[in-house]
Amino acid sequence: MWKLFWCLFLILPFTLYSQDILVSEDMPLRNDVSYELIGELRGNILLYHNRNTEHEIQCFDPKMHLDWSKELEFERKTAKTLGLITHDDHFYILYHYRKKGNTLLKVHKYDAGANLKDSTLVFDYGFLFFTPDFEIVRSEDRSKVLIFFIEKQSIMRAVSFDLNTMKLLWEKSITPDKFNYSEDDVQLLVDNKGNMQIIIGKHNFRSRRRDHFYEVHSYYGDTDEHRIFQVPFGNMLTYDAYFTYDDLNDRMVAAGFYAEKDLGRATGLFYLNVDPRHPDQRTLNFQKFDTKTLTGMLGKKGKRAKGLREISVQEVVLRRDGGAILIGERNRMYERGGTTRTYIDGLNNFMVDYYFDELMIASIHPTGELHWNTILHKKQYSQDDNAAYSSYFLFKTPSSLRFLFNDEISYENTVSEYILNGLGDFDRNSLLNTAHLELRLRFRDAVQTASNTLIVPSERRNRLKLVKMEF
C-alpha cells in the first residue's frame, strides 16, 4: 500500500511579505486517477483521492500534519464519482452506478470526519443503452445542484437537488427546437432556489450575424413553469461569453467579448442583464476596445490592431448593484514538430506550447456602461503540461480582488499577486520564491477556505504537497 510511504511530515513554516506559509510532506500519486481539495471543515483540511475503484479522504490539521485517512465505500466498486460539493459543515459526493441494468444517481453526505451521515437515491434513470455523460452545475450558495446529460444530442435531461433537505426538487426533460448539443453554444445555470436557465447561442457565424441571438429556457420546478425567450444580439457576433445568475438581484447576467464581422478577432466587450420572468426588461450594451486597451494587451502592435485574438473569459464577478466585473485572459495553444504514428501505435509525438499572458479586467455598471478597465501583465509559457500551472487564482476579500499566479512555469519560480481595489487601482507584489522548496503550485486548483486563507496543491514529479497560505 502507498500508505507505507507515510512516515512523518516535514513542516516548512516561514513568513514572506506578510504571508504565512505551511507546506505538508509530499504524497505519491502513482495510483490516483484524480484528486480534489474538499476545503476546510471544522478547522481541518480535507483532500479526496479517486483511484478508480478506491476512494479515500485524507485530513490535515491546521498545521498541515496528516491527522487521519479514511476509505469511502459505495454500493459498487465500479461506481463513478461526478463531483464533490462543500456546504456548511458537510461535504457531498455525487456518483452513479448500474444495478440490474438500471443507471442510478445517488448522493452521500459526510461530516467533517468523513463519517457518512445520510445517503439518498437522487434518480433512477432505468435502463439506458449508453452511459450518461453527466455534468454538474452548482448554485451560488452551493445549496442546490443541477445534474444533467444530453440524450441523442437533442434532449436535455436534468434534475435539481437540494443539499439542505437531501430531497429531489424536480426532474425534467427538455427538447429545444432545432437543438444540437455538439453544434450549439450551450450553458446551464441553477439559482439558489433550484430553478434552471438553459442558454443556447444561435446563428453565431458571419453569414447570419444579423440573426444571431440567445435562446433562453427558464424552468421553475415549484410551478412546473417552462418559459422560452430570445435575446437578439444587436447585429454582433459572440467571440466568448460567460453567463451567471445574480441571486441578490434575481437577474441573469452575462459578460464577454463580441466580434463585428470576423469571429477570429474580438472587437470589444459586452454586458447583458435580463429578468427571466420579464425578458423585455433587459440591458444589452457593447463597448468597443479603445487604443489604450489594445496597446496595453499587445504593446506597440496594439496601435494598428483592429481587435484581440486568443482572448477568453475566465470568470465574471457580480457587483452588489447588479453590475459585473469581467475577467478575460489572453491565452493560446500551439502544436508543433513531431510526426503522427497512428498506423503503428495510435500515438503522436507533437509538442504542445501553452501561453497564458495578460489579464483584462473590466468593471461594468448595471446600465451597461463601462466603469473602468485595466490590464494586469504577466507572461507564462509551458510545454506539454496541459497548462496545469498557468493562469491564476482569484482570491476574494470584501475590499479587493487578489490575483495569485506563477511568474514562470518552472521548477524554480516566483509567486506574485495583483491586488485590485474597487476603483481599478492595483499593486503588484512578490509573495514567494519556490527555489529549494520543491514546489510547483497549481493555482487553478486552489481553494479559498477563509477571508485570509487558501490551500494550493503542488504537484512535482508525480508527488503532491498541500500549501497553506495565510495573508
Protein backbone atom coordinates (compact mmCIF):
# COMPACT_ATOMS: atom_id res chain seq x y z
CA MET A 1 0.00 0.00 0.00
CA TRP A 2 1.15 3.51 -0.79
CA LYS A 3 0.38 4.43 2.85
CA LEU A 4 3.67 2.80 3.78
CA PHE A 5 5.38 5.80 2.25
CA TRP A 6 3.93 7.98 5.02
CA CYS A 7 6.48 8.16 7.78
CA LEU A 8 6.40 11.73 9.00
CA PHE A 9 5.58 15.23 7.84
CA LEU A 10 8.10 17.92 7.12
CA ILE A 11 6.55 21.26 8.01
CA LEU A 12 8.08 24.34 6.47
CA PRO A 13 6.84 27.44 8.31
CA PHE A 14 8.15 30.78 7.18
CA THR A 15 6.90 34.29 6.59
CA LEU A 16 7.47 36.26 3.38
CA TYR A 17 5.89 39.58 2.58
CA SER A 18 3.34 39.20 5.42
CA GLN A 19 2.24 35.76 4.24
CA ASP A 20 2.46 32.69 6.46
CA ILE A 21 3.20 29.52 4.51
CA LEU A 22 2.81 25.92 5.69
CA VAL A 23 3.76 23.00 3.44
CA SER A 24 2.86 19.37 4.03
CA GLU A 25 5.11 16.42 3.31
CA ASP A 26 4.73 15.06 -0.19
CA MET A 27 2.38 12.23 -1.20
CA PRO A 28 2.88 9.79 -4.07
CA LEU A 29 0.28 9.92 -6.84
CA ARG A 30 1.05 6.63 -8.57
CA ASN A 31 -2.45 5.18 -8.40
CA ASP A 32 -4.52 8.37 -8.46
CA VAL A 33 -6.91 8.94 -11.32
CA SER A 34 -7.59 12.37 -9.85
CA TYR A 35 -7.61 14.27 -6.58
CA GLU A 36 -9.63 17.23 -5.35
CA LEU A 37 -9.40 19.64 -2.45
CA ILE A 38 -12.65 19.50 -0.50
CA GLY A 39 -11.78 22.52 1.62
CA GLU A 40 -11.73 23.32 5.32
CA LEU A 41 -14.29 21.75 7.65
CA ARG A 42 -14.14 22.48 11.40
CA GLY A 43 -10.55 23.66 11.16
CA ASN A 44 -9.19 20.69 9.20
CA ILE A 45 -8.29 20.43 5.51
CA LEU A 46 -9.83 17.52 3.60
CA LEU A 47 -8.43 16.02 0.41
CA TYR A 48 -10.19 13.46 -1.80
CA HIS A 49 -8.30 10.81 -3.79
CA ASN A 50 -10.01 8.98 -6.66
CA ARG A 51 -8.23 5.74 -7.53
CA ASN A 52 -10.94 4.42 -9.83
CA THR A 53 -12.20 1.60 -7.61
CA GLU A 54 -10.89 3.11 -4.37
CA HIS A 55 -11.88 6.41 -2.80
CA GLU A 56 -10.02 7.95 0.11
CA ILE A 57 -10.31 11.07 2.26
CA GLN A 58 -7.21 12.47 3.96
CA CYS A 59 -7.45 15.01 6.78
CA PHE A 60 -4.78 17.58 7.61
CA ASP A 61 -4.77 19.58 10.83
CA PRO A 62 -4.29 23.40 10.88
CA LYS A 63 -0.50 22.90 10.89
CA MET A 64 -0.77 20.71 7.76
CA HIS A 65 0.10 17.48 9.56
CA LEU A 66 -1.70 14.39 8.31
CA ASP A 67 -4.24 13.59 11.03
CA TRP A 68 -6.11 10.61 9.56
CA SER A 69 -7.25 8.94 6.38
CA LYS A 70 -10.41 7.00 5.62
CA GLU A 71 -11.67 4.82 2.79
CA LEU A 72 -15.15 5.58 1.41
CA GLU A 73 -17.48 2.82 0.33
CA PHE A 74 -20.10 2.80 -2.40
CA GLU A 75 -22.58 0.13 -3.50
CA ARG A 76 -20.42 -0.90 -6.44
CA LYS A 77 -16.68 -0.94 -6.99
CA THR A 78 -17.46 0.41 -10.46
CA ALA A 79 -19.32 3.48 -9.12
CA LYS A 80 -18.16 6.70 -10.79
CA THR A 81 -17.97 9.93 -8.81
CA LEU A 82 -19.35 13.01 -10.57
CA GLY A 83 -18.29 15.75 -8.19
CA LEU A 84 -17.85 16.99 -4.65
CA ILE A 85 -19.67 19.91 -3.06
CA THR A 86 -18.78 21.51 0.25
CA HIS A 87 -21.72 23.14 2.01
CA ASP A 88 -21.79 24.35 5.62
CA ASP A 89 -20.00 21.75 7.80
CA HIS A 90 -20.54 18.84 5.42
CA PHE A 91 -19.36 17.64 2.05
CA TYR A 92 -21.34 15.71 -0.53
CA ILE A 93 -20.27 13.22 -3.18
CA LEU A 94 -22.46 12.60 -6.21
CA TYR A 95 -21.92 9.32 -8.03
CA HIS A 96 -23.64 6.90 -10.37
CA TYR A 97 -23.57 3.17 -11.00
CA ARG A 98 -25.52 0.41 -12.71
CA LYS A 99 -27.75 -2.07 -10.90
CA LYS A 100 -29.61 -4.77 -12.81
CA GLY A 101 -29.12 -2.74 -15.96
CA ASN A 102 -30.53 0.47 -14.50
CA THR A 103 -28.50 3.67 -14.11
CA LEU A 104 -28.79 5.08 -10.57
CA LEU A 105 -27.72 8.54 -9.46
CA LYS A 106 -27.00 8.89 -5.72
CA VAL A 107 -25.53 11.31 -3.20
CA HIS A 108 -23.67 10.71 0.07
CA LYS A 109 -23.49 13.31 2.83
CA TYR A 110 -20.41 13.29 5.11
CA ASP A 111 -19.45 15.29 8.17
CA ALA A 112 -16.03 16.81 8.85
CA GLY A 113 -14.76 13.41 9.99
CA ALA A 114 -15.79 11.78 6.68
CA ASN A 115 -18.50 9.87 8.53
CA LEU A 116 -21.49 9.02 6.37
CA LYS A 117 -24.45 11.00 7.77
CA ASP A 118 -27.02 10.49 5.02
CA SER A 119 -27.44 8.82 1.66
CA THR A 120 -30.25 9.00 -0.85
CA LEU A 121 -31.16 7.99 -4.36
CA VAL A 122 -31.37 11.14 -6.44
CA PHE A 123 -32.91 9.50 -9.50
CA ASP A 124 -33.33 6.10 -11.17
CA TYR A 125 -32.99 6.53 -14.93
CA GLY A 126 -33.98 2.96 -15.62
CA PHE A 127 -32.33 1.10 -18.47
CA LEU A 128 -30.22 3.22 -20.80
CA PHE A 129 -28.41 1.99 -23.90
CA PHE A 130 -25.47 4.23 -23.03
CA THR A 131 -23.57 5.54 -20.02
CA PRO A 132 -24.66 9.15 -19.48
CA ASP A 133 -22.02 11.85 -19.62
CA PHE A 134 -23.26 13.68 -16.52
CA GLU A 135 -22.37 17.31 -15.85
CA ILE A 136 -22.88 19.28 -12.63
CA VAL A 137 -23.77 22.93 -12.06
CA ARG A 138 -23.76 24.38 -8.54
CA SER A 139 -25.80 27.30 -7.24
CA GLU A 140 -24.04 30.38 -5.90
CA ASP A 141 -24.71 29.44 -2.25
CA ARG A 142 -23.84 25.78 -3.01
CA SER A 143 -27.13 24.57 -1.53
CA LYS A 144 -28.56 23.40 -4.88
CA VAL A 145 -27.02 21.26 -7.55
CA LEU A 146 -28.14 20.69 -11.14
CA ILE A 147 -27.16 17.39 -12.75
CA PHE A 148 -27.80 16.92 -16.46
CA PHE A 149 -26.84 14.92 -19.52
CA ILE A 150 -27.70 15.07 -23.21
CA GLU A 151 -29.56 12.24 -24.91
CA LYS A 152 -29.41 11.82 -28.70
CA GLN A 153 -27.70 15.23 -28.97
CA SER A 154 -31.09 16.95 -28.70
CA ILE A 155 -32.79 16.02 -25.39
CA MET A 156 -31.62 17.67 -22.19
CA ARG A 157 -32.40 15.59 -19.11
CA ALA A 158 -31.87 17.47 -15.86
CA VAL A 159 -32.56 17.06 -12.15
CA SER A 160 -32.33 19.68 -9.42
CA PHE A 161 -31.36 18.57 -5.92
CA ASP A 162 -31.47 20.37 -2.55
CA LEU A 163 -28.47 19.53 -0.36
CA ASN A 164 -30.05 21.08 2.75
CA THR A 165 -33.00 18.71 2.74
CA MET A 166 -31.40 15.90 0.70
CA LYS A 167 -34.50 15.98 -1.50
CA LEU A 168 -35.03 15.91 -5.24
CA LEU A 169 -36.67 19.19 -6.25
CA TRP A 170 -37.62 18.19 -9.78
CA GLU A 171 -36.73 16.16 -12.87
CA LYS A 172 -37.30 17.47 -16.38
CA SER A 173 -36.58 16.55 -20.00
CA ILE A 174 -36.43 19.49 -22.38
CA THR A 175 -36.08 19.30 -26.16
CA PRO A 176 -35.33 22.76 -27.54
CA ASP A 177 -36.35 23.41 -31.13
CA LYS A 178 -33.59 22.73 -33.69
CA PHE A 179 -31.14 21.96 -30.90
CA ASN A 180 -27.87 20.08 -31.39
CA TYR A 181 -25.64 19.95 -28.34
CA SER A 182 -22.41 19.32 -30.27
CA GLU A 183 -23.01 22.29 -32.58
CA ASP A 184 -24.77 24.88 -30.42
CA ASP A 185 -23.14 27.03 -27.75
CA VAL A 186 -24.85 25.92 -24.51
CA GLN A 187 -24.57 26.99 -20.87
CA LEU A 188 -26.73 25.97 -17.89
CA LEU A 189 -27.33 27.82 -14.64
CA VAL A 190 -29.11 26.97 -11.39
CA ASP A 191 -30.16 29.63 -8.89
CA ASN A 192 -30.32 29.38 -5.09
CA LYS A 193 -33.93 28.21 -5.34
CA GLY A 194 -33.09 25.34 -7.67
CA ASN A 195 -34.54 26.88 -10.84
CA MET A 196 -32.77 26.29 -14.15
CA GLN A 197 -31.71 28.52 -17.04
CA ILE A 198 -30.58 26.97 -20.32
CA ILE A 199 -28.80 29.42 -22.63
CA ILE A 200 -28.35 28.42 -26.28
CA GLY A 201 -26.43 30.56 -28.77
CA LYS A 202 -27.90 30.55 -32.29
CA HIS A 203 -26.57 31.64 -35.73
CA ASN A 204 -23.21 32.76 -34.39
CA PHE A 205 -21.42 32.96 -37.74
CA ARG A 206 -20.64 35.74 -40.15
CA SER A 207 -23.21 34.97 -42.83
CA ARG A 208 -26.04 35.01 -40.26
CA ARG A 209 -24.77 37.66 -37.86
CA ARG A 210 -27.91 39.76 -38.30
CA ASP A 211 -29.86 36.77 -36.98
CA HIS A 212 -27.55 35.93 -34.05
CA PHE A 213 -29.44 35.59 -30.75
CA TYR A 214 -29.54 33.68 -27.48
CA GLU A 215 -32.49 31.41 -26.75
CA VAL A 216 -33.16 31.03 -23.02
CA HIS A 217 -35.22 28.24 -21.48
CA SER A 218 -36.25 29.05 -17.89
CA TYR A 219 -37.68 26.22 -15.81
CA TYR A 220 -39.26 26.80 -12.38
CA GLY A 221 -39.66 23.48 -10.61
CA ASP A 222 -42.12 24.57 -7.93
CA THR A 223 -44.76 25.50 -10.55
CA ASP A 224 -43.56 23.33 -13.46
CA GLU A 225 -43.39 26.54 -15.50
CA HIS A 226 -41.26 26.44 -18.66
CA ARG A 227 -40.60 29.85 -20.25
CA ILE A 228 -38.77 30.49 -23.53
CA PHE A 229 -37.48 33.86 -24.70
CA GLN A 230 -34.87 35.25 -27.06
CA VAL A 231 -32.20 37.91 -26.69
CA PRO A 232 -31.20 39.38 -30.09
CA PHE A 233 -27.52 40.23 -30.12
CA GLY A 234 -27.74 43.56 -31.88
CA ASN A 235 -26.13 42.62 -35.19
CA MET A 236 -22.98 41.44 -33.39
CA LEU A 237 -21.33 38.03 -33.04
CA THR A 238 -20.24 36.40 -29.79
CA TYR A 239 -16.49 35.86 -29.51
CA ASP A 240 -16.73 34.45 -25.96
CA ALA A 241 -19.39 34.73 -23.26
CA TYR A 242 -19.89 33.81 -19.61
CA PHE A 243 -23.39 33.59 -18.10
CA THR A 244 -24.16 33.61 -14.39
CA TYR A 245 -27.15 34.13 -12.12
CA ASP A 246 -27.37 37.13 -9.80
CA ASP A 247 -29.41 35.79 -6.88
CA LEU A 248 -29.18 39.06 -4.95
CA ASN A 249 -30.98 40.98 -7.72
CA ASP A 250 -32.78 37.94 -9.21
CA ARG A 251 -31.41 38.53 -12.70
CA MET A 252 -29.43 36.62 -15.30
CA VAL A 253 -26.16 38.36 -16.13
CA ALA A 254 -23.68 37.75 -18.93
CA ALA A 255 -20.46 39.43 -19.96
CA GLY A 256 -17.86 38.64 -22.56
CA PHE A 257 -16.32 39.68 -25.85
CA TYR A 258 -18.04 40.35 -29.15
CA ALA A 259 -16.96 40.44 -32.79
CA GLU A 260 -18.36 42.68 -35.51
CA LYS A 261 -17.61 40.54 -38.57
CA ASP A 262 -14.59 38.31 -38.00
CA LEU A 263 -15.10 35.61 -35.33
CA GLY A 264 -11.33 35.22 -35.17
CA ARG A 265 -10.96 38.62 -33.51
CA ALA A 266 -12.75 40.24 -30.55
CA THR A 267 -13.73 43.85 -31.23
CA GLY A 268 -14.91 44.80 -27.75
CA LEU A 269 -16.75 43.68 -24.65
CA PHE A 270 -20.46 43.33 -23.93
CA TYR A 271 -22.76 43.19 -20.90
CA LEU A 272 -26.23 41.63 -20.62
CA ASN A 273 -28.65 41.90 -17.70
CA VAL A 274 -32.13 40.36 -18.01
CA ASP A 275 -35.04 39.34 -15.78
CA PRO A 276 -36.03 35.82 -16.97
CA ARG A 277 -39.61 36.29 -15.78
CA HIS A 278 -39.88 39.61 -17.62
CA PRO A 279 -37.40 39.25 -20.53
CA ASP A 280 -38.37 42.60 -22.03
CA GLN A 281 -36.72 44.20 -19.01
CA ARG A 282 -33.13 43.81 -20.11
CA THR A 283 -29.95 45.75 -20.75
CA LEU A 284 -27.55 44.83 -23.55
CA ASN A 285 -24.59 47.09 -24.17
CA PHE A 286 -21.46 46.88 -26.33
CA GLN A 287 -18.18 48.69 -25.63
CA LYS A 288 -15.53 48.76 -28.35
CA PHE A 289 -11.88 48.38 -27.35
CA ASP A 290 -10.01 51.68 -27.39
CA THR A 291 -6.39 52.13 -28.41
CA LYS A 292 -5.21 52.27 -24.79
CA THR A 293 -6.71 48.84 -24.09
CA LEU A 294 -5.26 47.31 -27.26
CA THR A 295 -1.76 48.68 -26.63
CA GLY A 296 -1.99 47.54 -23.02
CA MET A 297 -2.66 44.00 -24.20
CA LEU A 298 -0.47 43.89 -27.34
CA GLY A 299 2.17 46.58 -26.83
CA LYS A 300 3.14 48.62 -29.90
CA LYS A 301 1.20 46.24 -32.15
CA GLY A 302 -1.99 47.44 -30.49
CA LYS A 303 -1.75 50.82 -32.24
CA ARG A 304 -2.63 49.16 -35.56
CA ALA A 305 -4.72 46.26 -34.22
CA LYS A 306 -8.44 46.09 -35.00
CA GLY A 307 -9.17 43.80 -32.09
CA LEU A 308 -7.84 40.99 -29.93
CA ARG A 309 -7.23 37.40 -30.89
CA GLU A 310 -6.91 34.49 -28.47
CA ILE A 311 -8.67 36.10 -25.51
CA SER A 312 -11.18 34.22 -23.39
CA VAL A 313 -13.49 34.96 -20.49
CA GLN A 314 -12.22 33.27 -17.34
CA GLU A 315 -14.93 34.41 -14.94
CA VAL A 316 -17.46 37.11 -14.10
CA VAL A 317 -17.66 38.59 -10.59
CA LEU A 318 -21.04 40.07 -9.71
CA ARG A 319 -21.31 43.53 -8.16
CA ARG A 320 -23.91 44.14 -5.46
CA ASP A 321 -25.56 46.88 -7.55
CA GLY A 322 -26.27 44.46 -10.42
CA GLY A 323 -23.17 45.27 -12.42
CA ALA A 324 -20.31 42.88 -13.12
CA ILE A 325 -16.54 42.59 -13.28
CA LEU A 326 -15.39 40.80 -16.41
CA ILE A 327 -12.07 38.93 -16.23
CA GLY A 328 -10.50 38.00 -19.55
CA GLU A 329 -7.18 36.34 -20.22
CA ARG A 330 -5.05 36.26 -23.34
CA ASN A 331 -4.11 32.61 -23.87
CA ARG A 332 -3.27 30.35 -26.77
CA MET A 333 -2.03 26.85 -27.56
CA TYR A 334 0.23 25.73 -30.40
CA GLU A 335 1.10 22.24 -31.65
CA ARG A 336 4.47 21.95 -33.28
CA GLY A 337 7.00 19.46 -34.54
CA GLY A 338 6.79 15.71 -34.43
CA THR A 339 5.14 13.16 -36.65
CA THR A 340 1.96 11.22 -36.10
CA ARG A 341 2.37 7.46 -35.57
CA THR A 342 -1.27 6.46 -35.75
CA TYR A 343 -0.61 3.49 -38.04
CA ILE A 344 1.90 1.99 -35.61
CA ASP A 345 0.57 2.64 -32.12
CA GLY A 346 -2.14 5.29 -32.28
CA LEU A 347 0.11 7.87 -30.64
CA ASN A 348 1.69 11.11 -31.75
CA ASN A 349 4.72 12.99 -30.54
CA PHE A 350 3.63 16.54 -31.25
CA MET A 351 4.75 19.10 -28.70
CA VAL A 352 2.15 21.50 -27.33
CA ASP A 353 3.09 25.02 -26.24
CA TYR A 354 0.84 26.96 -23.85
CA TYR A 355 0.87 30.74 -23.45
CA PHE A 356 -1.11 32.47 -20.70
CA ASP A 357 -0.43 36.18 -20.69
CA GLU A 358 -2.19 39.49 -19.88
CA LEU A 359 -5.41 39.78 -17.90
CA MET A 360 -8.06 42.32 -18.88
CA ILE A 361 -10.32 43.39 -16.03
CA ALA A 362 -13.40 45.48 -16.78
CA SER A 363 -15.92 46.78 -14.26
CA ILE A 364 -19.36 47.41 -15.77
CA HIS A 365 -22.27 49.37 -14.29
CA PRO A 366 -25.76 47.75 -14.26
CA THR A 367 -26.65 50.22 -17.04
CA GLY A 368 -24.06 48.50 -19.23
CA GLU A 369 -21.71 51.50 -19.18
CA LEU A 370 -18.05 50.85 -18.56
CA HIS A 371 -16.95 51.93 -15.08
CA TRP A 372 -13.25 51.21 -15.58
CA ASN A 373 -10.93 48.69 -17.14
CA THR A 374 -7.31 47.82 -16.53
CA ILE A 375 -4.61 45.44 -17.75
CA LEU A 376 -2.62 43.14 -15.44
CA HIS A 377 0.58 41.99 -17.10
CA LYS A 378 2.04 38.50 -16.82
CA LYS A 379 3.87 36.12 -19.17
CA GLN A 380 3.50 32.37 -18.70
CA TYR A 381 4.86 29.74 -21.06
CA SER A 382 4.86 25.97 -20.64
CA GLN A 383 5.08 22.86 -22.76
CA ASP A 384 3.22 19.55 -22.68
CA ASP A 385 1.73 20.10 -19.21
CA ASN A 386 -1.88 20.88 -20.16
CA ALA A 387 -1.29 24.35 -18.69
CA ALA A 388 -1.76 22.92 -15.18
CA TYR A 389 0.50 25.55 -13.58
CA SER A 390 -0.58 28.53 -15.69
CA SER A 391 -3.28 31.18 -15.34
CA TYR A 392 -4.20 32.45 -11.84
CA PHE A 393 -6.32 32.03 -8.73
CA LEU A 394 -8.81 34.73 -7.78
CA PHE A 395 -8.79 35.38 -4.03
CA LYS A 396 -11.82 37.43 -2.98
CA THR A 397 -11.98 39.74 0.04
CA PRO A 398 -14.59 42.40 0.95
CA SER A 399 -12.23 45.20 -0.11
CA SER A 400 -10.28 43.79 -3.05
CA LEU A 401 -9.64 41.06 -5.60
CA ARG A 402 -6.26 39.34 -5.43
CA PHE A 403 -4.86 37.52 -8.46
CA LEU A 404 -2.22 34.95 -7.48
CA PHE A 405 -0.06 33.32 -10.17
CA ASN A 406 3.28 31.79 -11.06
CA ASP A 407 5.63 34.29 -12.72
CA GLU A 408 7.26 31.48 -14.66
CA ILE A 409 6.28 27.87 -15.23
CA SER A 410 9.46 26.25 -13.98
CA TYR A 411 10.79 24.28 -11.05
CA GLU A 412 12.27 27.43 -9.52
CA ASN A 413 9.77 30.23 -9.73
CA THR A 414 8.47 33.38 -8.07
CA VAL A 415 4.84 33.56 -6.98
CA SER A 416 3.30 37.00 -7.43
CA GLU A 417 -0.03 38.72 -6.91
CA TYR A 418 -2.00 41.71 -8.08
CA ILE A 419 -4.25 43.41 -5.51
CA LEU A 420 -7.08 45.21 -7.30
CA ASN A 421 -9.45 47.58 -5.50
CA GLY A 422 -12.98 48.68 -6.36
CA LEU A 423 -11.75 51.66 -8.40
CA GLY A 424 -9.49 49.64 -10.67
CA ASP A 425 -6.22 50.63 -8.96
CA PHE A 426 -3.77 47.82 -8.27
CA ASP A 427 -0.46 46.89 -6.65
CA ARG A 428 1.82 44.05 -7.66
CA ASN A 429 3.74 42.09 -5.02
CA SER A 430 6.16 39.18 -4.99
CA LEU A 431 4.98 36.62 -2.43
CA LEU A 432 7.23 33.61 -2.52
CA ASN A 433 10.27 32.13 -4.21
CA THR A 434 9.98 28.37 -4.66
CA ALA A 435 13.71 27.78 -5.12
CA HIS A 436 14.90 24.86 -2.94
CA LEU A 437 11.33 24.24 -1.72
CA GLU A 438 10.45 21.73 -4.46
CA LEU A 439 7.06 23.34 -5.12
CA ARG A 440 5.10 23.62 -8.37
CA LEU A 441 1.86 25.34 -7.46
CA ARG A 442 -1.37 24.61 -9.33
CA PHE A 443 -3.25 27.82 -8.64
CA ARG A 444 -6.17 26.88 -10.88
CA ASP A 445 -6.97 24.05 -8.44
CA ALA A 446 -6.63 26.13 -5.26
CA VAL A 447 -9.45 26.57 -2.74
CA GLN A 448 -10.12 29.67 -0.64
CA THR A 449 -11.03 28.47 2.85
CA ALA A 450 -11.41 31.81 4.66
CA SER A 451 -11.19 35.53 4.04
CA ASN A 452 -7.42 35.32 4.58
CA THR A 453 -6.52 31.71 3.75
CA LEU A 454 -6.22 29.45 0.72
CA ILE A 455 -4.89 25.96 0.06
CA VAL A 456 -2.92 25.30 -3.12
CA PRO A 457 -1.90 21.84 -4.39
CA SER A 458 1.71 21.49 -5.51
CA GLU A 459 2.45 18.68 -7.95
CA ARG A 460 6.02 17.85 -8.87
CA ARG A 461 7.38 14.64 -10.35
CA ASN A 462 4.15 12.76 -9.59
CA ARG A 463 4.18 13.72 -5.94
CA LEU A 464 1.67 16.02 -4.24
CA LYS A 465 2.04 18.57 -1.44
CA LEU A 466 -0.55 20.91 0.01
CA VAL A 467 0.45 24.51 0.62
CA LYS A 468 -1.47 26.68 3.09
CA MET A 469 -1.11 30.42 2.58
CA GLU A 470 -2.42 32.91 5.16
CA PHE A 471 -2.45 36.65 4.46
